[in-house]
Amino acid sequence: MPAGAYYSQDLHGPYETFDLGDFDLEDGGRLRGARLAYATHGRLSAARDNAILVPTWFSGTGKIMEQVYIGPGRALDPEKYFIVIADQIGDGLSSSPHNTPAPWGGPRFPRIRIGDDVAAQRRLVTEQFGIERLALVVGGSMGAQQTYEWAVRFPDMVARAAPIAGFAQNTPHDFLFAGTLSEALTSDPAWKNGWYADQADVHEGLRRHAHLWGVMGLCPEFYKRERWRGLGFVSLDDFVVGFLEGFFLPMDPNNLLCMAWKWQRGDVARHAGGDLAAALGRVKAKTFVMPLSTDMFFPVADCAAEQALLPGSELRVVNTICGHFGLFGIEPEYHEQVDSILKELLAT
């Protein structure tokens, strides 16, 4: 499937785009003709006080956030809240390497930071909807990085925050892992320094990338209990090919590289001269830090260490045997736990 067909309204919509114009970036570059993809669910109240922002994670788009986290009776209930899902830059729907015209697309796409995503999202919620304060910012993984960035950078705009399975300051371990994910792609001779004609040409790199996610994105207990059988697969090999490779093969390698570079450098401490405690001390939002019990990217102990620096925050561990991929909502128990925690947070 060509990347243009994969990143489409048919598969990931419906979504709209917000025109950012020529958007100046944190690292000094400029994203020309920048666009932010977004989708909304529910109605904004007259007082504009019921808005929830949901940023996306690595490789995912707003569609999976809608499918896993939003619905009537859920914590993110569109009958009560106005929910804005904002696609991060580089995810294939917002401005990304694959959909930016020459000469600025592909490997010439500028370096993007988590801070750029949040600056763009702030323009979206204020200029498009007139929202000055968000009832909640909630996101998983790279969405958690954006959640922390929101709470630190714009403390008066965030009433509540729920970073799920993610860090305020990326660790050396995660930096190394995201770099290895990138090397899996760039080591494919068909990558051609980013000048491949079609993402399918880089299928060997995309498959290695997927296998690394199979090692670190899940956890030993998932494989020990053969939980892939509950997903409709008949063998481990069937799961690796059908789920892991099938998930990543349609994606554009330059898009994945853009997001991985950004993930590696997520760090709110830069707002306080490198002092993480001082940066997190700026947060005014009521915050529930929500690590996943078997996550090998963002271990509970590391998330708890950051939570201890957050004024008035609470640690709420979500139990799962699916590792980081618990975020996909594979287990019914995951939905029940997350909804219960977020409902409690929204009631504060």
C-alpha atoms as a PDB file:
ATOM      1  CA  MET A   1       0.000   0.000   0.000  1.00  0.00           C
ATOM      2  CA  PRO A   2       1.556   3.354  -0.997  1.00  0.00           C
ATOM      3  CA  ALA A   3       2.131   5.745   1.896  1.00  0.00           C
ATOM      4  CA  GLY A   4      -0.273   8.235   0.340  1.00  0.00           C
ATOM      5  CA  ALA A   5      -3.040   5.636   0.414  1.00  0.00           C
ATOM      6  CA  TYR A   6      -2.261   4.588   3.968  1.00  0.00           C
ATOM      7  CA  TYR A   7      -2.285   8.113   5.431  1.00  0.00           C
ATOM      8  CA  SER A   8      -5.773   8.833   4.119  1.00  0.00           C
ATOM      9  CA  GLN A   9      -9.202   9.915   5.256  1.00  0.00           C
ATOM     10  CA  ASP A  10     -10.478   6.432   4.374  1.00  0.00           C
ATOM     11  CA  LEU A  11      -8.233   4.745   6.955  1.00  0.00           C
ATOM     12  CA  HIS A  12      -7.605   7.507   9.498  1.00  0.00           C
ATOM     13  CA  GLY A  13     -10.443   9.952   9.115  1.00  0.00           C
ATOM     14  CA  PRO A  14     -12.548  11.827   9.371  1.00  0.00           C
ATOM     15  CA  TYR A  15     -10.132  14.593  10.296  1.00  0.00           C
ATOM     16  CA  GLU A  16      -9.660  18.255   9.482  1.00  0.00           C
ATOM     17  CA  THR A  17      -6.533  20.346   9.062  1.00  0.00           C
ATOM     18  CA  PHE A  18      -5.544  23.609  10.721  1.00  0.00           C
ATOM     19  CA  ASP A  19      -3.300  25.881   8.665  1.00  0.00           C
ATOM     20  CA  LEU A  20      -0.276  27.054  10.664  1.00  0.00           C
ATOM     21  CA  GLY A  21       1.346  28.876   7.751  1.00  0.00           C
ATOM     22  CA  ASP A  22       5.122  29.137   7.821  1.00  0.00           C
ATOM     23  CA  PHE A  23       5.818  27.781  11.287  1.00  0.00           C
ATOM     24  CA  ASP A  24       9.078  28.655  13.056  1.00  0.00           C
ATOM     25  CA  LEU A  25      10.588  25.752  14.962  1.00  0.00           C
ATOM     26  CA  GLU A  26      12.367  25.433  18.283  1.00  0.00           C
ATOM     27  CA  ASP A  27      15.625  24.295  16.683  1.00  0.00           C
ATOM     28  CA  GLY A  28      15.702  27.350  14.429  1.00  0.00           C
ATOM     29  CA  GLY A  29      14.220  25.818  11.296  1.00  0.00           C
ATOM     30  CA  ARG A  30      10.973  26.660   9.572  1.00  0.00           C
ATOM     31  CA  LEU A  31       8.166  24.337   8.512  1.00  0.00           C
ATOM     32  CA  ARG A  32       6.663  25.941   5.421  1.00  0.00           C
ATOM     33  CA  GLY A  33       2.948  25.609   4.796  1.00  0.00           C
ATOM     34  CA  ALA A  34       2.564  23.711   8.075  1.00  0.00           C
ATOM     35  CA  ARG A  35      -0.685  21.868   8.768  1.00  0.00           C
ATOM     36  CA  LEU A  36      -1.998  20.215  11.905  1.00  0.00           C
ATOM     37  CA  ALA A  37      -4.496  17.385  11.500  1.00  0.00           C
ATOM     38  CA  TYR A  38      -7.172  17.144  14.180  1.00  0.00           C
ATOM     39  CA  ALA A  39     -10.561  15.631  14.933  1.00  0.00           C
ATOM     40  CA  THR A  40     -13.177  16.749  17.427  1.00  0.00           C
ATOM     41  CA  HIS A  41     -15.802  14.814  19.364  1.00  0.00           C
ATOM     42  CA  GLY A  42     -18.643  16.385  21.323  1.00  0.00           C
ATOM     43  CA  ARG A  43     -19.621  20.034  21.707  1.00  0.00           C
ATOM     44  CA  LEU A  44     -17.763  22.915  23.262  1.00  0.00           C
ATOM     45  CA  SER A  45     -19.725  24.435  26.128  1.00  0.00           C
ATOM     46  CA  ALA A  46     -20.750  28.091  26.059  1.00  0.00           C
ATOM     47  CA  ALA A  47     -18.178  28.774  28.774  1.00  0.00           C
ATOM     48  CA  ARG A  48     -15.539  26.843  26.794  1.00  0.00           C
ATOM     49  CA  ASP A  49     -14.626  24.956  29.966  1.00  0.00           C
ATOM     50  CA  ASN A  50     -15.177  21.329  28.926  1.00  0.00           C
ATOM     51  CA  ALA A  51     -12.315  20.887  26.445  1.00  0.00           C
ATOM     52  CA  ILE A  52      -9.999  17.878  26.564  1.00  0.00           C
ATOM     53  CA  LEU A  53      -6.886  17.627  24.405  1.00  0.00           C
ATOM     54  CA  VAL A  54      -5.543  14.234  23.309  1.00  0.00           C
ATOM     55  CA  PRO A  55      -2.174  14.222  21.477  1.00  0.00           C
ATOM     56  CA  THR A  56      -1.010  11.148  19.542  1.00  0.00           C
ATOM     57  CA  TRP A  57       1.822   8.658  20.088  1.00  0.00           C
ATOM     58  CA  PHE A  58       4.656   7.286  17.947  1.00  0.00           C
ATOM     59  CA  SER A  59       3.344   5.863  14.637  1.00  0.00           C
ATOM     60  CA  GLY A  60      -0.277   6.274  15.719  1.00  0.00           C
ATOM     61  CA  THR A  61      -2.846   8.746  14.437  1.00  0.00           C
ATOM     62  CA  GLY A  62      -5.939  10.250  15.986  1.00  0.00           C
ATOM     63  CA  LYS A  63      -8.083   7.345  14.779  1.00  0.00           C
ATOM     64  CA  ILE A  64      -6.581   4.861  17.245  1.00  0.00           C
ATOM     65  CA  MET A  65      -6.969   7.377  20.080  1.00  0.00           C
ATOM     66  CA  GLU A  66     -10.651   7.673  19.207  1.00  0.00           C
ATOM     67  CA  GLN A  67     -11.129   3.910  18.990  1.00  0.00           C
ATOM     68  CA  VAL A  68      -9.353   3.050  22.244  1.00  0.00           C
ATOM     69  CA  TYR A  69     -10.151   5.974  24.546  1.00  0.00           C
ATOM     70  CA  ILE A  70     -13.306   7.855  23.495  1.00  0.00           C
ATOM     71  CA  GLY A  71     -16.986   6.933  23.689  1.00  0.00           C
ATOM     72  CA  PRO A  72     -20.303   7.436  25.497  1.00  0.00           C
ATOM     73  CA  GLY A  73     -20.048   6.352  29.109  1.00  0.00           C
ATOM     74  CA  ARG A  74     -16.255   6.359  28.959  1.00  0.00           C
ATOM     75  CA  ALA A  75     -14.135   8.842  30.892  1.00  0.00           C
ATOM     76  CA  LEU A  76     -13.594  10.729  27.626  1.00  0.00           C
ATOM     77  CA  ASP A  77     -17.299  10.994  26.937  1.00  0.00           C
ATOM     78  CA  PRO A  78     -18.244  13.158  23.925  1.00  0.00           C
ATOM     79  CA  GLU A  79     -21.667  13.662  25.453  1.00  0.00           C
ATOM     80  CA  LYS A  80     -20.017  15.586  28.323  1.00  0.00           C
ATOM     81  CA  TYR A  81     -16.756  16.929  26.886  1.00  0.00           C
ATOM     82  CA  PHE A  82     -15.411  18.604  23.776  1.00  0.00           C
ATOM     83  CA  ILE A  83     -12.495  16.353  22.867  1.00  0.00           C
ATOM     84  CA  VAL A  84      -9.814  17.525  20.453  1.00  0.00           C
ATOM     85  CA  ILE A  85      -7.424  14.883  19.134  1.00  0.00           C
ATOM     86  CA  ALA A  86      -4.328  16.534  17.670  1.00  0.00           C
ATOM     87  CA  ASP A  87      -2.018  14.549  15.394  1.00  0.00           C
ATOM     88  CA  GLN A  88       1.620  15.215  16.122  1.00  0.00           C
ATOM     89  CA  ILE A  89       3.788  16.661  13.369  1.00  0.00           C
ATOM     90  CA  GLY A  90       5.410  13.836  11.427  1.00  0.00           C
ATOM     91  CA  ASP A  91       2.715  11.211  12.032  1.00  0.00           C
ATOM     92  CA  GLY A  92       1.568  11.198   8.406  1.00  0.00           C
ATOM     93  CA  LEU A  93      -1.636  13.243   8.758  1.00  0.00           C
ATOM     94  CA  SER A  94      -0.191  16.500  10.026  1.00  0.00           C
ATOM     95  CA  SER A  95       2.732  17.964   8.085  1.00  0.00           C
ATOM     96  CA  SER A  96       5.192  15.110   7.636  1.00  0.00           C
ATOM     97  CA  PRO A  97       8.152  14.161   5.463  1.00  0.00           C
ATOM     98  CA  HIS A  98       6.021  12.134   3.057  1.00  0.00           C
ATOM     99  CA  ASN A  99       3.314  14.787   2.440  1.00  0.00           C
ATOM    100  CA  THR A 100       5.464  17.925   2.327  1.00  0.00           C
ATOM    101  CA  PRO A 101       6.253  19.062  -1.244  1.00  0.00           C
ATOM    102  CA  ALA A 102       9.803  19.327  -2.547  1.00  0.00           C
ATOM    103  CA  PRO A 103      12.260  20.687  -1.772  1.00  0.00           C
ATOM    104  CA  TRP A 104      11.280  20.520   1.925  1.00  0.00           C
ATOM    105  CA  GLY A 105       9.890  16.982   2.111  1.00  0.00           C
ATOM    106  CA  GLY A 106      11.427  13.539   2.583  1.00  0.00           C
ATOM    107  CA  PRO A 107      14.858  13.650   4.237  1.00  0.00           C
ATOM    108  CA  ARG A 108      14.874  17.466   3.914  1.00  0.00           C
ATOM    109  CA  PHE A 109      11.985  17.749   6.379  1.00  0.00           C
ATOM    110  CA  PRO A 110      13.151  19.964   9.280  1.00  0.00           C
ATOM    111  CA  ARG A 111      13.883  18.700  12.783  1.00  0.00           C
ATOM    112  CA  ILE A 112      10.761  18.784  14.963  1.00  0.00           C
ATOM    113  CA  ARG A 113      10.624  18.806  18.754  1.00  0.00           C
ATOM    114  CA  ILE A 114       7.880  17.960  21.234  1.00  0.00           C
ATOM    115  CA  GLY A 115       7.791  21.688  21.986  1.00  0.00           C
ATOM    116  CA  ASP A 116       6.891  22.397  18.355  1.00  0.00           C
ATOM    117  CA  ASP A 117       3.927  20.043  18.579  1.00  0.00           C
ATOM    118  CA  VAL A 118       2.639  21.754  21.699  1.00  0.00           C
ATOM    119  CA  ALA A 119       3.154  25.253  20.290  1.00  0.00           C
ATOM    120  CA  ALA A 120       1.152  24.216  17.221  1.00  0.00           C
ATOM    121  CA  GLN A 121      -1.578  22.634  19.368  1.00  0.00           C
ATOM    122  CA  ARG A 122      -1.844  25.779  21.457  1.00  0.00           C
ATOM    123  CA  ARG A 123      -2.513  27.769  18.310  1.00  0.00           C
ATOM    124  CA  LEU A 124      -5.139  25.231  17.281  1.00  0.00           C
ATOM    125  CA  VAL A 125      -7.116  25.352  20.529  1.00  0.00           C
ATOM    126  CA  THR A 126      -6.870  29.126  20.997  1.00  0.00           C
ATOM    127  CA  GLU A 127      -7.259  30.362  17.414  1.00  0.00           C
ATOM    128  CA  GLN A 128      -9.665  27.753  16.064  1.00  0.00           C
ATOM    129  CA  PHE A 129     -11.840  27.255  19.148  1.00  0.00           C
ATOM    130  CA  GLY A 130     -11.158  30.187  21.484  1.00  0.00           C
ATOM    131  CA  ILE A 131     -10.187  27.830  24.303  1.00  0.00           C
ATOM    132  CA  GLU A 132      -8.034  29.447  26.985  1.00  0.00           C
ATOM    133  CA  ARG A 133      -8.014  26.606  29.516  1.00  0.00           C
ATOM    134  CA  LEU A 134      -8.127  22.846  29.011  1.00  0.00           C
ATOM    135  CA  ALA A 135     -10.053  20.686  31.454  1.00  0.00           C
ATOM    136  CA  LEU A 136      -7.618  17.829  30.757  1.00  0.00           C
ATOM    137  CA  VAL A 137      -4.619  16.966  28.624  1.00  0.00           C
ATOM    138  CA  VAL A 138      -4.145  13.206  28.339  1.00  0.00           C
ATOM    139  CA  GLY A 139      -1.855  11.182  26.103  1.00  0.00           C
ATOM    140  CA  GLY A 140       0.132   7.961  25.996  1.00  0.00           C
ATOM    141  CA  SER A 141       3.818   7.438  25.203  1.00  0.00           C
ATOM    142  CA  MET A 142       4.846  10.376  22.974  1.00  0.00           C
ATOM    143  CA  GLY A 143       1.413  11.754  23.828  1.00  0.00           C
ATOM    144  CA  ALA A 144       2.538  11.688  27.469  1.00  0.00           C
ATOM    145  CA  GLN A 145       5.643  13.667  26.490  1.00  0.00           C
ATOM    146  CA  GLN A 146       3.353  16.271  24.947  1.00  0.00           C
ATOM    147  CA  THR A 147       1.120  16.196  28.049  1.00  0.00           C
ATOM    148  CA  TYR A 148       4.085  17.018  30.280  1.00  0.00           C
ATOM    149  CA  GLU A 149       5.212  19.736  27.864  1.00  0.00           C
ATOM    150  CA  TRP A 150       1.759  21.320  28.016  1.00  0.00           C
ATOM    151  CA  ALA A 151       1.640  21.259  31.832  1.00  0.00           C
ATOM    152  CA  VAL A 152       5.127  22.745  32.232  1.00  0.00           C
ATOM    153  CA  ARG A 153       5.078  25.240  29.388  1.00  0.00           C
ATOM    154  CA  PHE A 154       1.534  26.542  29.772  1.00  0.00           C
ATOM    155  CA  PRO A 155       0.676  25.832  33.432  1.00  0.00           C
ATOM    156  CA  ASP A 156      -2.244  28.255  33.541  1.00  0.00           C
ATOM    157  CA  MET A 157      -3.913  26.597  30.555  1.00  0.00           C
ATOM    158  CA  VAL A 158      -4.033  23.034  31.948  1.00  0.00           C
ATOM    159  CA  ALA A 159      -6.424  22.196  34.768  1.00  0.00           C
ATOM    160  CA  ARG A 160      -5.628  18.454  34.820  1.00  0.00           C
ATOM    161  CA  ALA A 161      -2.991  16.263  33.215  1.00  0.00           C
ATOM    162  CA  ALA A 162      -2.711  12.516  32.719  1.00  0.00           C
ATOM    163  CA  PRO A 163       0.545  11.307  31.163  1.00  0.00           C
ATOM    164  CA  ILE A 164       0.125   7.593  30.433  1.00  0.00           C
ATOM    165  CA  ALA A 165       3.234   5.451  29.899  1.00  0.00           C
ATOM    166  CA  GLY A 166       5.639   8.271  29.160  1.00  0.00           C
ATOM    167  CA  PHE A 167       8.331  10.544  30.574  1.00  0.00           C
ATOM    168  CA  ALA A 168       8.781  14.238  31.174  1.00  0.00           C
ATOM    169  CA  GLN A 169      12.490  13.739  30.507  1.00  0.00           C
ATOM    170  CA  ASN A 170      13.556  10.915  28.234  1.00  0.00           C
ATOM    171  CA  THR A 171      16.085   8.442  29.647  1.00  0.00           C
ATOM    172  CA  PRO A 172      19.362   7.244  28.113  1.00  0.00           C
ATOM    173  CA  HIS A 173      17.784   3.786  27.756  1.00  0.00           C
ATOM    174  CA  ASP A 174      14.905   5.124  25.676  1.00  0.00           C
ATOM    175  CA  PHE A 175      17.268   7.336  23.686  1.00  0.00           C
ATOM    176  CA  LEU A 176      19.273   4.251  22.749  1.00  0.00           C
ATOM    177  CA  PHE A 177      16.197   2.225  21.900  1.00  0.00           C
ATOM    178  CA  ALA A 178      14.652   4.896  19.664  1.00  0.00           C
ATOM    179  CA  GLY A 179      18.020   5.241  17.949  1.00  0.00           C
ATOM    180  CA  THR A 180      18.100   1.487  17.333  1.00  0.00           C
ATOM    181  CA  LEU A 181      14.618   1.682  15.829  1.00  0.00           C
ATOM    182  CA  SER A 182      15.943   4.317  13.449  1.00  0.00           C
ATOM    183  CA  GLU A 183      19.011   2.246  12.573  1.00  0.00           C
ATOM    184  CA  ALA A 184      16.748  -0.661  11.637  1.00  0.00           C
ATOM    185  CA  LEU A 185      15.296   1.578   8.926  1.00  0.00           C
ATOM    186  CA  THR A 186      18.401   3.397   7.764  1.00  0.00           C
ATOM    187  CA  SER A 187      20.488   0.203   7.534  1.00  0.00           C
ATOM    188  CA  ASP A 188      18.271  -1.051   4.702  1.00  0.00           C
ATOM    189  CA  PRO A 189      20.200  -0.309   1.462  1.00  0.00           C
ATOM    190  CA  ALA A 190      16.858   0.569  -0.147  1.00  0.00           C
ATOM    191  CA  TRP A 191      16.520   3.513   2.246  1.00  0.00           C
ATOM    192  CA  LYS A 192      18.986   5.447   0.035  1.00  0.00           C
ATOM    193  CA  ASN A 193      19.560   8.188   2.625  1.00  0.00           C
ATOM    194  CA  GLY A 194      15.824   8.864   2.630  1.00  0.00           C
ATOM    195  CA  TRP A 195      15.444   9.203  -1.150  1.00  0.00           C
ATOM    196  CA  TYR A 196      13.553   5.922  -1.719  1.00  0.00           C
ATOM    197  CA  ALA A 197      10.835   6.019  -4.380  1.00  0.00           C
ATOM    198  CA  ASP A 198       8.272   4.056  -2.367  1.00  0.00           C
ATOM    199  CA  GLN A 199       8.087   3.078   1.296  1.00  0.00           C
ATOM    200  CA  ALA A 200       7.562  -0.553   0.201  1.00  0.00           C
ATOM    201  CA  ASP A 201      11.131  -0.532  -1.120  1.00  0.00           C
ATOM    202  CA  VAL A 202      12.332  -0.282   2.486  1.00  0.00           C
ATOM    203  CA  HIS A 203      10.356  -3.333   3.604  1.00  0.00           C
ATOM    204  CA  GLU A 204      13.362  -5.122   5.135  1.00  0.00           C
ATOM    205  CA  GLY A 205      14.096  -2.135   7.362  1.00  0.00           C
ATOM    206  CA  LEU A 206      10.427  -1.749   8.255  1.00  0.00           C
ATOM    207  CA  ARG A 207      10.270  -5.447   9.207  1.00  0.00           C
ATOM    208  CA  ARG A 208      13.354  -5.146  11.449  1.00  0.00           C
ATOM    209  CA  HIS A 209      11.788  -2.034  12.977  1.00  0.00           C
ATOM    210  CA  ALA A 210       8.630  -4.039  13.686  1.00  0.00           C
ATOM    211  CA  HIS A 211      10.595  -6.906  15.255  1.00  0.00           C
ATOM    212  CA  LEU A 212      12.305  -4.522  17.665  1.00  0.00           C
ATOM    213  CA  TRP A 213       8.877  -3.322  18.750  1.00  0.00           C
ATOM    214  CA  GLY A 214       7.945  -6.974  19.274  1.00  0.00           C
ATOM    215  CA  VAL A 215      10.873  -7.350  21.685  1.00  0.00           C
ATOM    216  CA  MET A 216      10.458  -4.133  23.678  1.00  0.00           C
ATOM    217  CA  GLY A 217       6.891  -3.047  23.033  1.00  0.00           C
ATOM    218  CA  LEU A 218       5.432  -6.171  24.562  1.00  0.00           C
ATOM    219  CA  CYS A 219       6.719  -8.092  27.578  1.00  0.00           C
ATOM    220  CA  PRO A 220       7.791 -11.676  28.377  1.00  0.00           C
ATOM    221  CA  GLU A 221       4.496 -12.525  30.086  1.00  0.00           C
ATOM    222  CA  PHE A 222       2.538 -11.653  26.932  1.00  0.00           C
ATOM    223  CA  TYR A 223       4.483 -14.270  25.000  1.00  0.00           C
ATOM    224  CA  LYS A 224       4.616 -16.781  27.850  1.00  0.00           C
ATOM    225  CA  ARG A 225       0.823 -16.825  28.056  1.00  0.00           C
ATOM    226  CA  GLU A 226       0.503 -16.797  24.246  1.00  0.00           C
ATOM    227  CA  ARG A 227      -1.853 -13.853  24.454  1.00  0.00           C
ATOM    228  CA  TRP A 228      -1.503 -13.414  20.706  1.00  0.00           C
ATOM    229  CA  ARG A 229      -3.993 -16.274  20.361  1.00  0.00           C
ATOM    230  CA  GLY A 230      -6.722 -14.020  21.739  1.00  0.00           C
ATOM    231  CA  LEU A 231      -5.996 -11.608  18.888  1.00  0.00           C
ATOM    232  CA  GLY A 232      -6.786 -14.255  16.293  1.00  0.00           C
ATOM    233  CA  PHE A 233      -3.278 -15.492  15.500  1.00  0.00           C
ATOM    234  CA  VAL A 234      -2.469 -19.210  15.349  1.00  0.00           C
ATOM    235  CA  SER A 235       1.274 -19.085  16.059  1.00  0.00           C
ATOM    236  CA  LEU A 236       3.984 -16.726  17.215  1.00  0.00           C
ATOM    237  CA  ASP A 237       5.235 -16.361  13.651  1.00  0.00           C
ATOM    238  CA  ASP A 238       1.697 -15.587  12.507  1.00  0.00           C
ATOM    239  CA  PHE A 239       1.522 -12.820  15.126  1.00  0.00           C
ATOM    240  CA  VAL A 240       4.897 -11.342  14.161  1.00  0.00           C
ATOM    241  CA  VAL A 241       3.964 -11.237  10.466  1.00  0.00           C
ATOM    242  CA  GLY A 242       0.290 -10.373  10.763  1.00  0.00           C
ATOM    243  CA  PHE A 243       0.349  -7.929  13.664  1.00  0.00           C
ATOM    244  CA  LEU A 244       3.819  -6.436  14.026  1.00  0.00           C
ATOM    245  CA  GLU A 245       4.972  -6.401  10.407  1.00  0.00           C
ATOM    246  CA  GLY A 246       1.446  -5.743   9.170  1.00  0.00           C
ATOM    247  CA  PHE A 247       1.195  -2.694  11.418  1.00  0.00           C
ATOM    248  CA  PHE A 248       4.435  -1.001  10.339  1.00  0.00           C
ATOM    249  CA  LEU A 249       4.865  -2.035   6.682  1.00  0.00           C
ATOM    250  CA  PRO A 250       2.438   0.580   5.253  1.00  0.00           C
ATOM    251  CA  MET A 251       4.161   3.446   7.104  1.00  0.00           C
ATOM    252  CA  ASP A 252       6.632   5.904   5.640  1.00  0.00           C
ATOM    253  CA  PRO A 253      10.194   5.433   7.013  1.00  0.00           C
ATOM    254  CA  ASN A 254      10.995   9.158   6.976  1.00  0.00           C
ATOM    255  CA  ASN A 255       7.871   9.814   9.042  1.00  0.00           C
ATOM    256  CA  LEU A 256       8.973   7.224  11.601  1.00  0.00           C
ATOM    257  CA  LEU A 257      12.480   8.695  11.701  1.00  0.00           C
ATOM    258  CA  CYS A 258      11.067  12.179  12.284  1.00  0.00           C
ATOM    259  CA  MET A 259       9.063  10.979  15.273  1.00  0.00           C
ATOM    260  CA  ALA A 260      11.887   8.853  16.701  1.00  0.00           C
ATOM    261  CA  TRP A 261      14.281  11.826  16.674  1.00  0.00           C
ATOM    262  CA  LYS A 262      11.663  13.882  18.496  1.00  0.00           C
ATOM    263  CA  TRP A 263      10.966  11.103  21.024  1.00  0.00           C
ATOM    264  CA  GLN A 264      14.675  10.827  21.859  1.00  0.00           C
ATOM    265  CA  ARG A 265      14.906  14.510  22.786  1.00  0.00           C
ATOM    266  CA  GLY A 266      11.731  14.961  24.811  1.00  0.00           C
ATOM    267  CA  ASP A 267      12.739  16.899  27.928  1.00  0.00           C
ATOM    268  CA  VAL A 268      10.782  19.533  29.838  1.00  0.00           C
ATOM    269  CA  ALA A 269      13.866  20.367  31.926  1.00  0.00           C
ATOM    270  CA  ARG A 270      15.045  22.687  29.143  1.00  0.00           C
ATOM    271  CA  HIS A 271      12.405  25.150  30.406  1.00  0.00           C
ATOM    272  CA  ALA A 272      14.360  25.451  33.669  1.00  0.00           C
ATOM    273  CA  GLY A 273      17.975  25.404  32.566  1.00  0.00           C
ATOM    274  CA  GLY A 274      18.163  21.604  32.705  1.00  0.00           C
ATOM    275  CA  ASP A 275      16.663  21.311  36.215  1.00  0.00           C
ATOM    276  CA  LEU A 276      13.873  18.722  35.984  1.00  0.00           C
ATOM    277  CA  ALA A 277      12.604  19.358  39.507  1.00  0.00           C
ATOM    278  CA  ALA A 278      12.328  23.074  38.837  1.00  0.00           C
ATOM    279  CA  ALA A 279      10.537  22.466  35.545  1.00  0.00           C
ATOM    280  CA  LEU A 280       8.005  20.063  37.052  1.00  0.00           C
ATOM    281  CA  GLY A 281       7.599  22.436  39.986  1.00  0.00           C
ATOM    282  CA  ARG A 282       5.950  24.866  37.564  1.00  0.00           C
ATOM    283  CA  VAL A 283       3.009  22.512  36.989  1.00  0.00           C
ATOM    284  CA  LYS A 284      -0.312  23.712  38.382  1.00  0.00           C
ATOM    285  CA  ALA A 285      -2.492  20.964  36.894  1.00  0.00           C
ATOM    286  CA  LYS A 286      -3.862  18.213  39.097  1.00  0.00           C
ATOM    287  CA  THR A 287      -1.814  15.357  37.653  1.00  0.00           C
ATOM    288  CA  PHE A 288      -2.226  11.588  37.733  1.00  0.00           C
ATOM    289  CA  VAL A 289       0.916   9.870  36.430  1.00  0.00           C
ATOM    290  CA  MET A 290      -0.169   6.563  34.884  1.00  0.00           C
ATOM    291  CA  PRO A 291       2.615   4.080  34.094  1.00  0.00           C
ATOM    292  CA  LEU A 292       1.851   0.583  32.774  1.00  0.00           C
ATOM    293  CA  SER A 293       2.945  -2.208  35.109  1.00  0.00           C
ATOM    294  CA  THR A 294       4.951  -4.232  32.549  1.00  0.00           C
ATOM    295  CA  ASP A 295       6.191  -1.385  30.336  1.00  0.00           C
ATOM    296  CA  MET A 296       9.872  -1.838  29.439  1.00  0.00           C
ATOM    297  CA  PHE A 297      10.180   1.618  27.834  1.00  0.00           C
ATOM    298  CA  PHE A 298       8.758   3.623  30.712  1.00  0.00           C
ATOM    299  CA  PRO A 299       9.156   1.507  33.865  1.00  0.00           C
ATOM    300  CA  VAL A 300       6.984   2.229  36.885  1.00  0.00           C
ATOM    301  CA  ALA A 301       9.971   3.171  39.059  1.00  0.00           C
ATOM    302  CA  ASP A 302      11.175   5.786  36.569  1.00  0.00           C
ATOM    303  CA  CYS A 303       7.681   7.269  36.200  1.00  0.00           C
ATOM    304  CA  ALA A 304       7.311   7.325  39.988  1.00  0.00           C
ATOM    305  CA  ALA A 305      10.573   9.246  40.326  1.00  0.00           C
ATOM    306  CA  GLU A 306       9.208  11.974  38.075  1.00  0.00           C
ATOM    307  CA  GLN A 307       5.831  11.925  39.794  1.00  0.00           C
ATOM    308  CA  ALA A 308       7.543  12.611  43.128  1.00  0.00           C
ATOM    309  CA  LEU A 309       8.705  15.948  41.688  1.00  0.00           C
ATOM    310  CA  LEU A 310       5.195  17.020  40.654  1.00  0.00           C
ATOM    311  CA  PRO A 311       3.315  19.144  43.233  1.00  0.00           C
ATOM    312  CA  GLY A 312       0.076  17.509  44.397  1.00  0.00           C
ATOM    313  CA  SER A 313       0.336  14.672  41.887  1.00  0.00           C
ATOM    314  CA  GLU A 314      -0.605  11.017  42.340  1.00  0.00           C
ATOM    315  CA  LEU A 315       0.812   7.793  40.912  1.00  0.00           C
ATOM    316  CA  ARG A 316      -1.772   5.422  39.433  1.00  0.00           C
ATOM    317  CA  VAL A 317      -0.298   2.207  37.991  1.00  0.00           C
ATOM    318  CA  VAL A 318      -2.317   0.520  35.246  1.00  0.00           C
ATOM    319  CA  ASN A 319      -1.954  -3.266  35.341  1.00  0.00           C
ATOM    320  CA  THR A 320      -1.403  -5.038  32.017  1.00  0.00           C
ATOM    321  CA  ILE A 321       0.525  -8.032  30.678  1.00  0.00           C
ATOM    322  CA  CYS A 322       0.855  -6.386  27.268  1.00  0.00           C
ATOM    323  CA  GLY A 323       3.801  -4.139  28.101  1.00  0.00           C
ATOM    324  CA  HIS A 324       3.834  -0.785  26.346  1.00  0.00           C
ATOM    325  CA  PHE A 325       1.333  -2.113  23.816  1.00  0.00           C
ATOM    326  CA  GLY A 326      -1.186  -2.174  26.634  1.00  0.00           C
ATOM    327  CA  LEU A 327      -1.917   1.331  25.318  1.00  0.00           C
ATOM    328  CA  PHE A 328      -3.714  -0.328  22.403  1.00  0.00           C
ATOM    329  CA  GLY A 329      -6.474  -1.471  24.755  1.00  0.00           C
ATOM    330  CA  ILE A 330      -6.043  -5.146  23.933  1.00  0.00           C
ATOM    331  CA  GLU A 331      -7.413  -6.172  27.347  1.00  0.00           C
ATOM    332  CA  PRO A 332     -10.912  -5.197  28.545  1.00  0.00           C
ATOM    333  CA  GLU A 333      -9.414  -4.666  32.007  1.00  0.00           C
ATOM    334  CA  TYR A 334      -7.224  -1.918  30.599  1.00  0.00           C
ATOM    335  CA  HIS A 335     -10.242   0.149  29.556  1.00  0.00           C
ATOM    336  CA  GLU A 336     -11.861  -0.314  32.951  1.00  0.00           C
ATOM    337  CA  GLN A 337      -8.768   0.838  34.835  1.00  0.00           C
ATOM    338  CA  VAL A 338      -8.018   3.831  32.626  1.00  0.00           C
ATOM    339  CA  ASP A 339     -11.622   5.017  32.629  1.00  0.00           C
ATOM    340  CA  SER A 340     -11.845   4.696  36.408  1.00  0.00           C
ATOM    341  CA  ILE A 341      -8.650   6.702  36.939  1.00  0.00           C
ATOM    342  CA  LEU A 342      -9.541   9.414  34.438  1.00  0.00           C
ATOM    343  CA  LYS A 343     -13.086   9.746  35.787  1.00  0.00           C
ATOM    344  CA  GLU A 344     -11.624  10.259  39.242  1.00  0.00           C
ATOM    345  CA  LEU A 345      -9.218  12.868  37.903  1.00  0.00           C
ATOM    346  CA  LEU A 346     -11.968  14.702  36.022  1.00  0.00           C
ATOM    347  CA  ALA A 347     -14.055  14.767  39.200  1.00  0.00           C
ATOM    348  CA  THR A 348     -11.363  16.657  41.131  1.00  0.00           C
END
